PDB file of all heavy atoms in Angstrom:
ATOM      1  N   LYS A   1       0.075   7.166   6.996  1.00  0.00           N
ATOM      2  CA  LYS A   1      -0.989   6.698   6.110  1.00  0.00           C
ATOM      3  C   LYS A   1      -0.419   6.136   4.813  1.00  0.00           C
ATOM      4  O   LYS A   1      -0.909   5.124   4.286  1.00  0.00           O
ATOM      5  CB  LYS A   1      -1.958   7.843   5.803  1.00  0.00           C
ATOM      6  CG  LYS A   1      -2.845   8.239   6.972  1.00  0.00           C
ATOM      7  CD  LYS A   1      -3.830   9.327   6.546  1.00  0.00           C
ATOM      8  CE  LYS A   1      -4.820   9.653   7.635  1.00  0.00           C
ATOM      9  NZ  LYS A   1      -5.788  10.702   7.215  1.00  0.00           N
ATOM     10  N   THR A   2       0.625   6.758   4.321  1.00  0.00           N
ATOM     11  CA  THR A   2       1.236   6.302   3.061  1.00  0.00           C
ATOM     12  C   THR A   2       1.800   4.901   3.195  1.00  0.00           C
ATOM     13  O   THR A   2       1.821   4.131   2.229  1.00  0.00           O
ATOM     14  CB  THR A   2       2.341   7.281   2.639  1.00  0.00           C
ATOM     15  OG1 THR A   2       1.768   8.570   2.422  1.00  0.00           O
ATOM     16  CG2 THR A   2       3.021   6.817   1.353  1.00  0.00           C
ATOM     17  N   HIS A   3       2.252   4.544   4.409  1.00  0.00           N
ATOM     18  CA  HIS A   3       2.908   3.249   4.593  1.00  0.00           C
ATOM     19  C   HIS A   3       1.985   2.176   5.160  1.00  0.00           C
ATOM     20  O   HIS A   3       2.453   1.090   5.526  1.00  0.00           O
ATOM     21  CB  HIS A   3       4.147   3.421   5.478  1.00  0.00           C
ATOM     22  CG  HIS A   3       5.264   4.153   4.782  1.00  0.00           C
ATOM     23  ND1 HIS A   3       5.345   5.525   4.735  1.00  0.00           N
ATOM     24  CD2 HIS A   3       6.317   3.700   4.054  1.00  0.00           C
ATOM     25  CE1 HIS A   3       6.408   5.882   4.044  1.00  0.00           C
ATOM     26  NE2 HIS A   3       7.019   4.804   3.627  1.00  0.00           N
ATOM     27  N   GLN A   4       0.699   2.477   5.220  1.00  0.00           N
ATOM     28  CA  GLN A   4      -0.254   1.436   5.585  1.00  0.00           C
ATOM     29  C   GLN A   4      -0.373   0.432   4.451  1.00  0.00           C
ATOM     30  O   GLN A   4      -0.383   0.799   3.271  1.00  0.00           O
ATOM     31  CB  GLN A   4      -1.623   2.046   5.880  1.00  0.00           C
ATOM     32  CG  GLN A   4      -2.637   1.052   6.436  1.00  0.00           C
ATOM     33  CD  GLN A   4      -3.937   1.732   6.841  1.00  0.00           C
ATOM     34  OE1 GLN A   4      -4.273   2.807   6.322  1.00  0.00           O
ATOM     35  NE2 GLN A   4      -4.662   1.136   7.771  1.00  0.00           N
ATOM     36  N   GLN A   5      -0.433  -0.850   4.772  1.00  0.00           N
ATOM     37  CA  GLN A   5      -0.457  -1.885   3.739  1.00  0.00           C
ATOM     38  C   GLN A   5      -1.894  -2.312   3.428  1.00  0.00           C
ATOM     39  O   GLN A   5      -2.846  -1.938   4.121  1.00  0.00           O
ATOM     40  CB  GLN A   5       0.409  -3.054   4.173  1.00  0.00           C
ATOM     41  CG  GLN A   5       1.873  -2.639   4.370  1.00  0.00           C
ATOM     42  CD  GLN A   5       2.815  -3.800   4.563  1.00  0.00           C
ATOM     43  OE1 GLN A   5       2.602  -4.895   4.054  1.00  0.00           O
ATOM     44  NE2 GLN A   5       3.900  -3.563   5.300  1.00  0.00           N
ATOM     45  N   SER A   6      -2.051  -3.093   2.394  1.00  0.00           N
ATOM     46  CA  SER A   6      -3.376  -3.398   1.847  1.00  0.00           C
ATOM     47  C   SER A   6      -4.287  -4.115   2.841  1.00  0.00           C
ATOM     48  O   SER A   6      -5.512  -4.003   2.756  1.00  0.00           O
ATOM     49  CB  SER A   6      -3.237  -4.237   0.574  1.00  0.00           C
ATOM     50  OG  SER A   6      -2.538  -5.447   0.839  1.00  0.00           O
ATOM     51  N   ASN A   7      -3.725  -4.861   3.785  1.00  0.00           N
ATOM     52  CA  ASN A   7      -4.552  -5.562   4.773  1.00  0.00           C
ATOM     53  C   ASN A   7      -4.922  -4.684   5.964  1.00  0.00           C
ATOM     54  O   ASN A   7      -5.561  -5.145   6.911  1.00  0.00           O
ATOM     55  CB  ASN A   7      -3.861  -6.836   5.254  1.00  0.00           C
ATOM     56  CG  ASN A   7      -2.556  -6.548   5.991  1.00  0.00           C
ATOM     57  OD1 ASN A   7      -2.139  -5.402   6.149  1.00  0.00           O
ATOM     58  ND2 ASN A   7      -1.893  -7.608   6.433  1.00  0.00           N
ATOM     59  N   GLY A   8      -4.514  -3.427   5.927  1.00  0.00           N
ATOM     60  CA  GLY A   8      -4.844  -2.492   6.991  1.00  0.00           C
ATOM     61  C   GLY A   8      -3.771  -2.314   8.037  1.00  0.00           C
ATOM     62  O   GLY A   8      -3.877  -1.423   8.890  1.00  0.00           O
ATOM     63  N   GLY A   9      -2.741  -3.149   8.003  1.00  0.00           N
ATOM     64  CA  GLY A   9      -1.709  -3.088   9.026  1.00  0.00           C
ATOM     65  C   GLY A   9      -0.459  -2.351   8.585  1.00  0.00           C
ATOM     66  O   GLY A   9      -0.355  -1.859   7.453  1.00  0.00           O
ATOM     67  N   TRP A  10       0.488  -2.290   9.503  1.00  0.00           N
ATOM     68  CA  TRP A  10       1.795  -1.681   9.241  1.00  0.00           C
ATOM     69  C   TRP A  10       2.899  -2.665   9.637  1.00  0.00           C
ATOM     70  O   TRP A  10       2.718  -3.492  10.535  1.00  0.00           O
ATOM     71  CB  TRP A  10       1.980  -0.410  10.064  1.00  0.00           C
ATOM     72  CG  TRP A  10       1.283   0.810   9.564  1.00  0.00           C
ATOM     73  CD1 TRP A  10       1.819   1.814   8.808  1.00  0.00           C
ATOM     74  CD2 TRP A  10      -0.078   1.199   9.811  1.00  0.00           C
ATOM     75  NE1 TRP A  10       0.884   2.788   8.567  1.00  0.00           N
ATOM     76  CE2 TRP A  10      -0.296   2.448   9.168  1.00  0.00           C
ATOM     77  CE3 TRP A  10      -1.141   0.609  10.500  1.00  0.00           C
ATOM     78  CZ2 TRP A  10      -1.514   3.106   9.198  1.00  0.00           C
ATOM     79  CZ3 TRP A  10      -2.364   1.261  10.536  1.00  0.00           C
ATOM     80  CH2 TRP A  10      -2.552   2.486   9.894  1.00  0.00           C
ATOM     81  N   GLY A  11       4.030  -2.553   8.986  1.00  0.00           N
ATOM     82  CA  GLY A  11       5.185  -3.375   9.328  1.00  0.00           C
ATOM     83  C   GLY A  11       6.451  -2.740   8.805  1.00  0.00           C
ATOM     84  O   GLY A  11       6.436  -2.021   7.798  1.00  0.00           O
ATOM     85  N   GLU A  12       7.550  -2.986   9.490  1.00  0.00           N
ATOM     86  CA  GLU A  12       8.842  -2.439   9.070  1.00  0.00           C
ATOM     87  C   GLU A  12       9.947  -3.412   9.444  1.00  0.00           C
ATOM     88  O   GLU A  12       9.978  -3.948  10.552  1.00  0.00           O
ATOM     89  CB  GLU A  12       9.092  -1.078   9.720  1.00  0.00           C
ATOM     90  CG  GLU A  12      10.385  -0.413   9.278  1.00  0.00           C
ATOM     91  CD  GLU A  12      10.525   1.004   9.796  1.00  0.00           C
ATOM     92  OE1 GLU A  12       9.552   1.533  10.390  1.00  0.00           O
ATOM     93  OE2 GLU A  12      11.607   1.595   9.620  1.00  0.00           O
ATOM     94  N   THR A  13      10.842  -3.635   8.529  1.00  0.00           N
ATOM     95  CA  THR A  13      11.959  -4.550   8.735  1.00  0.00           C
ATOM     96  C   THR A  13      13.105  -3.863   9.473  1.00  0.00           C
ATOM     97  O   THR A  13      13.356  -2.661   9.257  1.00  0.00           O
ATOM     98  CB  THR A  13      12.481  -5.074   7.392  1.00  0.00           C
ATOM     99  OG1 THR A  13      13.691  -5.811   7.601  1.00  0.00           O
ATOM    100  CG2 THR A  13      12.778  -3.944   6.422  1.00  0.00           C
ATOM    101  N   PRO A  14      13.828  -4.592  10.337  1.00  0.00           N
ATOM    102  CA  PRO A  14      15.025  -4.019  10.950  1.00  0.00           C
ATOM    103  C   PRO A  14      16.072  -3.596   9.922  1.00  0.00           C
ATOM    104  O   PRO A  14      16.965  -2.807  10.236  1.00  0.00           O
ATOM    105  CB  PRO A  14      15.550  -5.167  11.832  1.00  0.00           C
ATOM    106  CG  PRO A  14      14.346  -5.997  12.130  1.00  0.00           C
ATOM    107  CD  PRO A  14      13.506  -5.928  10.885  1.00  0.00           C
ATOM    108  N   ARG A  15      15.929  -4.101   8.709  1.00  0.00           N
ATOM    109  CA  ARG A  15      16.867  -3.729   7.650  1.00  0.00           C
ATOM    110  C   ARG A  15      16.839  -2.232   7.361  1.00  0.00           C
ATOM    111  O   ARG A  15      17.784  -1.683   6.778  1.00  0.00           O
ATOM    112  CB  ARG A  15      16.541  -4.519   6.379  1.00  0.00           C
ATOM    113  CG  ARG A  15      17.605  -4.432   5.288  1.00  0.00           C
ATOM    114  CD  ARG A  15      18.862  -5.167   5.671  1.00  0.00           C
ATOM    115  NE  ARG A  15      19.912  -5.065   4.671  1.00  0.00           N
ATOM    116  CZ  ARG A  15      21.175  -5.416   4.865  1.00  0.00           C
ATOM    117  NH1 ARG A  15      21.531  -5.930   6.035  1.00  0.00           N
ATOM    118  NH2 ARG A  15      22.076  -5.289   3.919  1.00  0.00           N
ATOM    119  N   SER A  16      15.759  -1.549   7.808  1.00  0.00           N
ATOM    120  CA  SER A  16      15.654  -0.109   7.548  1.00  0.00           C
ATOM    121  C   SER A  16      16.739   0.683   8.272  1.00  0.00           C
ATOM    122  O   SER A  16      17.008   1.829   7.900  1.00  0.00           O
ATOM    123  CB  SER A  16      14.270   0.408   7.954  1.00  0.00           C
ATOM    124  OG  SER A  16      14.038   0.227   9.339  1.00  0.00           O
ATOM    125  N   TYR A  17      17.366   0.095   9.286  1.00  0.00           N
ATOM    126  CA  TYR A  17      18.499   0.772   9.926  1.00  0.00           C
ATOM    127  C   TYR A  17      19.702   0.820   8.986  1.00  0.00           C
ATOM    128  O   TYR A  17      20.472   1.777   9.004  1.00  0.00           O
ATOM    129  CB  TYR A  17      18.892   0.057  11.219  1.00  0.00           C
ATOM    130  CG  TYR A  17      17.930   0.267  12.360  1.00  0.00           C
ATOM    131  CD1 TYR A  17      17.016  -0.713  12.711  1.00  0.00           C
ATOM    132  CD2 TYR A  17      17.941   1.449  13.098  1.00  0.00           C
ATOM    133  CE1 TYR A  17      16.133  -0.537  13.769  1.00  0.00           C
ATOM    134  CE2 TYR A  17      17.063   1.645  14.159  1.00  0.00           C
ATOM    135  CZ  TYR A  17      16.161   0.650  14.486  1.00  0.00           C
ATOM    136  OH  TYR A  17      15.281   0.839  15.526  1.00  0.00           O
ATOM    137  N   ASP A  18      19.874  -0.233   8.187  1.00  0.00           N
ATOM    138  CA  ASP A  18      20.984  -0.273   7.227  1.00  0.00           C
ATOM    139  C   ASP A  18      20.621   0.421   5.929  1.00  0.00           C
ATOM    140  O   ASP A  18      21.477   1.023   5.277  1.00  0.00           O
ATOM    141  CB  ASP A  18      21.354  -1.732   6.928  1.00  0.00           C
ATOM    142  CG  ASP A  18      21.817  -2.486   8.160  1.00  0.00           C
ATOM    143  OD1 ASP A  18      23.002  -2.354   8.504  1.00  0.00           O
ATOM    144  OD2 ASP A  18      20.998  -3.176   8.776  1.00  0.00           O
ATOM    145  N   GLU A  19      19.348   0.308   5.546  1.00  0.00           N
ATOM    146  CA  GLU A  19      18.882   0.882   4.293  1.00  0.00           C
ATOM    147  C   GLU A  19      17.659   1.750   4.580  1.00  0.00           C
ATOM    148  O   GLU A  19      16.524   1.284   4.516  1.00  0.00           O
ATOM    149  CB  GLU A  19      18.538  -0.234   3.310  1.00  0.00           C
ATOM    150  CG  GLU A  19      19.705  -1.169   3.010  1.00  0.00           C
ATOM    151  CD  GLU A  19      19.293  -2.357   2.150  1.00  0.00           C
ATOM    152  OE1 GLU A  19      18.447  -2.176   1.250  1.00  0.00           O
ATOM    153  OE2 GLU A  19      19.803  -3.467   2.394  1.00  0.00           O
ATOM    154  N   PRO A  20      17.872   3.022   4.894  1.00  0.00           N
ATOM    155  CA  PRO A  20      16.748   3.893   5.274  1.00  0.00           C
ATOM    156  C   PRO A  20      15.654   3.995   4.219  1.00  0.00           C
ATOM    157  O   PRO A  20      14.519   4.347   4.551  1.00  0.00           O
ATOM    158  CB  PRO A  20      17.431   5.242   5.504  1.00  0.00           C
ATOM    159  CG  PRO A  20      18.842   4.909   5.858  1.00  0.00           C
ATOM    160  CD  PRO A  20      19.172   3.704   5.031  1.00  0.00           C
ATOM    161  N   GLU A  21      15.972   3.684   2.988  1.00  0.00           N
ATOM    162  CA  GLU A  21      14.939   3.733   1.953  1.00  0.00           C
ATOM    163  C   GLU A  21      13.860   2.678   2.178  1.00  0.00           C
ATOM    164  O   GLU A  21      12.778   2.738   1.565  1.00  0.00           O
ATOM    165  CB  GLU A  21      15.555   3.560   0.561  1.00  0.00           C
ATOM    166  CG  GLU A  21      16.256   2.246   0.321  1.00  0.00           C
ATOM    167  CD  GLU A  21      17.735   2.242   0.718  1.00  0.00           C
ATOM    168  OE1 GLU A  21      18.131   3.160   1.479  1.00  0.00           O
ATOM    169  OE2 GLU A  21      18.467   1.349   0.269  1.00  0.00           O
ATOM    170  N   LEU A  22      14.120   1.704   3.060  1.00  0.00           N
ATOM    171  CA  LEU A  22      13.136   0.675   3.385  1.00  0.00           C
ATOM    172  C   LEU A  22      12.235   1.091   4.547  1.00  0.00           C
ATOM    173  O   LEU A  22      11.403   0.303   4.989  1.00  0.00           O
ATOM    174  CB  LEU A  22      13.839  -0.639   3.738  1.00  0.00           C
ATOM    175  CG  LEU A  22      14.644  -1.301   2.624  1.00  0.00           C
ATOM    176  CD1 LEU A  22      15.336  -2.557   3.150  1.00  0.00           C
ATOM    177  CD2 LEU A  22      13.758  -1.650   1.440  1.00  0.00           C
ATOM    178  N   ARG A  23      12.381   2.309   5.039  1.00  0.00           N
ATOM    179  CA  ARG A  23      11.608   2.746   6.201  1.00  0.00           C
ATOM    180  C   ARG A  23      10.109   2.563   5.959  1.00  0.00           C
ATOM    181  O   ARG A  23       9.592   2.836   4.877  1.00  0.00           O
ATOM    182  CB  ARG A  23      11.918   4.197   6.538  1.00  0.00           C
ATOM    183  CG  ARG A  23      11.444   5.213   5.515  1.00  0.00           C
ATOM    184  CD  ARG A  23      11.859   6.623   5.888  1.00  0.00           C
ATOM    185  NE  ARG A  23      13.307   6.778   5.851  1.00  0.00           N
ATOM    186  CZ  ARG A  23      13.944   7.935   6.084  1.00  0.00           C
ATOM    187  NH1 ARG A  23      13.261   9.008   6.402  1.00  0.00           N
ATOM    188  NH2 ARG A  23      15.251   8.007   6.009  1.00  0.00           N
ATOM    189  N   GLY A  24       9.448   2.047   6.972  1.00  0.00           N
ATOM    190  CA  GLY A  24       8.005   1.865   6.898  1.00  0.00           C
ATOM    191  C   GLY A  24       7.549   0.692   6.063  1.00  0.00           C
ATOM    192  O   GLY A  24       6.349   0.528   5.837  1.00  0.00           O
ATOM    193  N   THR A  25       8.484  -0.155   5.618  1.00  0.00           N
ATOM    194  CA  THR A  25       8.116  -1.300   4.787  1.00  0.00           C
ATOM    195  C   THR A  25       8.585  -2.592   5.443  1.00  0.00           C
ATOM    196  O   THR A  25       9.617  -2.628   6.099  1.00  0.00           O
ATOM    197  CB  THR A  25       8.727  -1.200   3.383  1.00  0.00           C
ATOM    198  OG1 THR A  25      10.164  -1.282   3.476  1.00  0.00           O
ATOM    199  CG2 THR A  25       8.358   0.115   2.719  1.00  0.00           C
ATOM    200  N   GLY A  26       7.826  -3.648   5.248  1.00  0.00           N
ATOM    201  CA  GLY A  26       8.160  -4.945   5.822  1.00  0.00           C
ATOM    202  C   GLY A  26       6.904  -5.722   6.139  1.00  0.00           C
ATOM    203  O   GLY A  26       5.774  -5.256   5.905  1.00  0.00           O
ATOM    204  N   THR A  27       7.078  -6.908   6.672  1.00  0.00           N
ATOM    205  CA  THR A  27       5.951  -7.748   7.039  1.00  0.00           C
ATOM    206  C   THR A  27       5.095  -7.058   8.092  1.00  0.00           C
ATOM    207  O   THR A  27       5.612  -6.527   9.078  1.00  0.00           O
ATOM    208  CB  THR A  27       6.459  -9.100   7.586  1.00  0.00           C
ATOM    209  OG1 THR A  27       7.276  -9.729   6.606  1.00  0.00           O
ATOM    210  CG2 THR A  27       5.291 -10.013   7.931  1.00  0.00           C
TER     211      THR A  27
END
């Protein structure tokens, strides 16, 4: 729920494998 974005969807970048702090974030 915390990582749901303003348009109602979810997205995560593959960059989160290199930078775990990006988990749950992305287009």
